[in-house]
Protein backbone atom coordinates (compact mmCIF):
# COMPACT_ATOMS: atom_id res chain seq x y z
CA GLN A 1 -7.51 -1.27 -4.10
CA VAL A 2 -4.83 0.93 -5.64
CA GLN A 3 -1.20 1.10 -4.53
CA LEU A 4 0.84 4.19 -5.43
CA VAL A 5 4.62 4.67 -5.52
CA GLU A 6 6.18 8.05 -6.32
CA SER A 7 9.66 8.59 -7.78
CA GLY A 8 11.73 11.30 -9.40
CA GLY A 9 12.28 13.65 -6.50
CA GLY A 10 15.65 15.19 -5.78
CA SER A 11 17.59 18.40 -5.37
CA VAL A 12 17.68 21.06 -8.06
CA GLN A 13 18.62 24.71 -8.33
CA ALA A 14 16.01 27.40 -8.85
CA GLY A 15 14.95 27.57 -12.48
CA GLY A 16 15.57 23.88 -12.99
CA SER A 17 13.21 21.06 -13.83
CA LEU A 18 12.15 17.70 -12.44
CA ARG A 19 9.71 15.04 -13.58
CA LEU A 20 7.87 13.09 -10.93
CA SER A 21 6.27 9.74 -11.64
CA CYS A 22 3.61 7.84 -9.76
CA ALA A 23 3.31 4.16 -10.56
CA ALA A 24 -0.02 2.58 -9.69
CA SER A 25 -1.00 -1.01 -9.22
CA GLY A 26 -4.58 -2.20 -9.05
CA ARG A 27 -7.37 -3.09 -11.38
CA SER A 28 -9.21 0.21 -11.57
CA PHE A 29 -6.50 2.83 -12.07
CA SER A 30 -8.17 4.27 -15.13
CA ARG A 31 -11.36 4.96 -13.13
CA HIS A 32 -9.60 7.19 -10.61
CA VAL A 33 -8.95 10.89 -10.70
CA MET A 34 -5.25 11.30 -9.94
CA THR A 35 -3.94 14.23 -7.93
CA TRP A 36 -0.56 15.54 -6.85
CA PHE A 37 -0.33 17.25 -3.47
CA HIS A 38 2.68 18.67 -1.73
CA ALA A 39 3.60 19.32 1.88
CA PRO A 40 6.10 22.17 2.30
CA PRO A 41 8.23 22.05 5.46
CA GLY A 42 6.04 22.58 8.51
CA LYS A 43 2.84 22.81 6.47
CA GLU A 44 -0.07 20.51 5.70
CA ARG A 45 -0.63 18.87 2.35
CA GLN A 46 -1.75 21.27 -0.37
CA PHE A 47 -3.29 20.68 -3.76
CA VAL A 48 -0.93 20.96 -6.75
CA ALA A 49 -2.62 19.39 -9.80
CA ALA A 50 -5.31 16.87 -10.76
CA ILE A 51 -6.19 14.96 -13.90
CA SER A 52 -9.40 13.25 -15.01
CA TRP A 53 -9.82 9.58 -15.92
CA GLY A 54 -8.96 9.96 -19.56
CA GLY A 55 -6.49 12.79 -19.10
CA GLY A 56 -8.54 15.30 -21.05
CA ASN A 57 -9.23 17.60 -18.13
CA THR A 58 -6.78 19.04 -15.64
CA LEU A 59 -6.77 21.42 -12.68
CA TYR A 60 -3.82 23.32 -11.24
CA ALA A 61 -3.12 25.36 -8.16
CA ASP A 62 -2.56 29.01 -9.07
CA SER A 63 0.99 28.83 -7.75
CA VAL A 64 2.03 26.25 -10.37
CA LYS A 65 -0.02 27.25 -13.42
CA GLY A 66 2.19 27.64 -16.45
CA ARG A 67 5.11 25.86 -14.76
CA PHE A 68 3.82 22.37 -13.94
CA THR A 69 2.07 19.86 -16.19
CA ILE A 70 0.20 16.78 -15.03
CA SER A 71 -0.33 13.85 -17.39
CA ARG A 72 -1.22 10.16 -17.22
CA GLU A 73 -0.73 6.96 -19.20
CA ASN A 74 -3.51 4.56 -18.28
CA ALA A 75 -1.95 1.73 -20.28
CA ASN A 76 1.14 2.00 -18.05
CA GLN A 77 -0.83 2.95 -14.94
CA THR A 78 1.39 5.95 -14.39
CA VAL A 79 0.77 9.62 -13.68
CA TYR A 80 3.43 12.28 -14.13
CA LEU A 81 4.14 15.77 -12.88
CA GLU A 82 6.50 17.77 -15.08
CA MET A 83 7.87 20.66 -13.02
CA ASN A 84 9.67 23.52 -14.75
CA SER A 85 11.00 26.88 -13.59
CA LEU A 86 11.21 25.53 -10.09
CA LYS A 87 11.32 27.96 -7.19
CA PRO A 88 12.61 27.52 -3.63
CA GLU A 89 9.01 27.68 -2.42
CA ASP A 90 8.29 24.50 -4.39
CA THR A 91 10.42 22.62 -1.87
CA ALA A 92 8.16 19.96 -0.37
CA VAL A 93 7.33 16.32 -0.14
CA TYR A 94 5.20 15.51 -3.18
CA TYR A 95 2.44 12.94 -2.85
CA CYS A 96 0.41 11.13 -5.46
CA ALA A 97 -3.20 10.34 -4.55
CA ALA A 98 -6.20 8.70 -6.18
CA GLU A 99 -9.95 9.13 -5.82
CA GLN A 100 -12.57 6.95 -7.48
CA THR A 101 -14.81 9.74 -8.71
CA THR A 102 -16.09 11.31 -11.89
CA HIS A 103 -15.84 14.81 -10.41
CA LEU A 104 -12.40 16.25 -11.08
CA ALA A 105 -13.07 19.28 -8.89
CA SER A 106 -13.66 17.11 -5.83
CA ALA A 107 -10.16 15.64 -5.96
CA VAL A 108 -8.42 18.77 -4.71
CA ARG A 109 -9.03 18.21 -1.01
CA PRO A 110 -6.66 15.81 0.77
CA HIS A 111 -9.33 14.34 3.06
CA VAL A 112 -11.45 12.99 0.18
CA MET A 113 -8.70 11.02 -1.52
CA ASP A 114 -9.00 7.24 -1.35
CA TYR A 115 -5.36 6.17 -1.78
CA TRP A 116 -1.96 7.76 -1.15
CA GLY A 117 1.64 7.13 -1.96
CA LYS A 118 4.41 7.66 0.58
CA GLY A 119 5.80 10.75 -1.12
CA THR A 120 9.01 11.91 -2.76
CA LEU A 121 11.09 14.88 -1.60
CA VAL A 122 11.81 17.82 -3.89
CA THR A 123 14.35 20.38 -2.73
CA VAL A 124 14.89 23.58 -4.70
CA SER A 125 17.85 25.73 -3.74
CA SER A 126 18.27 29.40 -4.56
């Protein structure tokens, strides 16, 4: 069992930056692929970024490549999403999710994730 709690959301102007954190509790955090999804207003959850067990491999949605960076600290059971050059279209609720898998590429679909946080709201104004 893994419990996830996101933090770090807020309001920022376009071009600004935010750092989201996801604190995990549970005995097997390091054996989970960790993924960030977001749900823009009126839309379903969409893949943003994923990171492998050890942090050596990452995947990003095309819309955030070069602007967002996902990282993790297994010793602290925390995963981060550094968001730079934010755009109004990045406005969304951001969710942290975990899947107990060795296949990074599988952890990009919301329906396969094993655990979810409750989300944190990011609002980017123009």
